[in-house]
Protein backbone atom coordinates (compact mmCIF):
# COMPACT_ATOMS: atom_id res chain seq x y z
CA UNK A 1 37.99 13.42 2.55
CA UNK A 2 39.75 13.17 -0.79
CA UNK A 3 43.47 12.53 -1.09
CA UNK A 4 44.02 16.08 -2.42
CA UNK A 5 42.29 17.65 0.62
CA UNK A 6 44.29 15.44 2.98
CA UNK A 7 47.52 16.56 1.33
CA UNK A 8 46.63 20.19 1.92
CA UNK A 9 45.99 19.57 5.65
CA UNK A 10 49.55 18.37 6.45
CA UNK A 11 50.63 21.78 7.73
CA UNK A 12 47.83 21.92 10.30
CA UNK A 13 48.80 18.48 11.57
CA UNK A 14 52.51 19.32 11.64
CA UNK A 15 52.06 22.56 13.54
CA UNK A 16 49.92 21.29 16.44
CA UNK A 17 52.50 22.50 19.00
CA UNK A 18 53.23 25.81 17.39
CA UNK A 19 56.13 27.72 18.81
CA UNK A 20 58.04 24.82 20.39
CA UNK A 21 61.01 25.12 18.06
CA UNK A 22 61.23 28.86 18.67
CA UNK A 23 61.00 28.23 22.41
CA UNK A 24 63.92 25.84 22.22
CA UNK A 25 65.95 28.47 20.38
CA UNK A 26 65.09 31.18 22.91
CA UNK A 27 66.13 28.94 25.80
CA UNK A 28 69.51 28.61 24.09
CA UNK A 29 69.67 32.39 23.50
CA UNK A 30 69.56 32.15 19.66
CA UNK A 31 67.03 32.65 16.90
CA UNK A 32 65.07 29.79 15.33
CA UNK A 33 67.05 30.28 12.07
CA UNK A 34 70.31 29.86 14.04
CA UNK A 35 69.01 26.76 15.75
CA UNK A 36 67.94 25.34 12.41
CA UNK A 37 71.40 25.92 10.99
CA UNK A 38 72.99 24.30 14.06
CA UNK A 39 70.77 21.25 13.71
CA UNK A 40 71.51 20.92 9.97
CA UNK A 41 75.27 21.25 10.58
CA UNK A 42 75.42 18.94 13.62
CA UNK A 43 72.49 16.50 13.39
CA UNK A 44 74.07 13.99 15.73
CA UNK A 45 73.94 16.53 18.60
CA UNK A 46 70.13 16.73 18.50
CA UNK A 47 67.23 14.32 19.04
CA UNK A 48 64.96 13.15 16.25
CA UNK A 49 62.13 15.51 17.19
CA UNK A 50 64.37 18.56 16.98
CA UNK A 51 65.70 17.42 13.59
CA UNK A 52 62.12 17.06 12.26
CA UNK A 53 61.23 20.50 13.68
CA UNK A 54 64.22 22.07 11.92
CA UNK A 55 63.22 20.38 8.64
CA UNK A 56 59.64 21.60 9.06
CA UNK A 57 60.84 25.14 9.67
CA UNK A 58 62.92 25.02 6.52
CA UNK A 59 59.94 23.79 4.53
CA UNK A 60 57.56 26.39 5.91
CA UNK A 61 60.05 29.21 5.27
CA UNK A 62 60.35 28.08 1.65
CA UNK A 63 56.56 27.88 1.25
CA UNK A 64 56.18 31.35 2.71
CA UNK A 65 58.78 32.73 0.31
CA UNK A 66 56.98 31.17 -2.69
CA UNK A 67 53.71 32.62 -1.44
CA UNK A 68 55.20 36.08 -1.11
CA UNK A 69 56.83 35.88 -4.55
CA UNK A 70 53.46 35.16 -6.18
CA UNK A 71 51.97 38.44 -4.92
């Protein structure tokens, strides 16, 4: 597989456990956007995995917005 194709597959690898971040948010009684904001504002209160999930959500939201703007 070429480097370019590998780069395009990062989303599939990153989203193996789809829905876990949303599930964490639902258990707390908030939306995933609210949890993301909480993690970004108070990173010391969360574990490394949750911080990475919040960062991934932010990236995917941006990519989705760019995709929609192109249409």
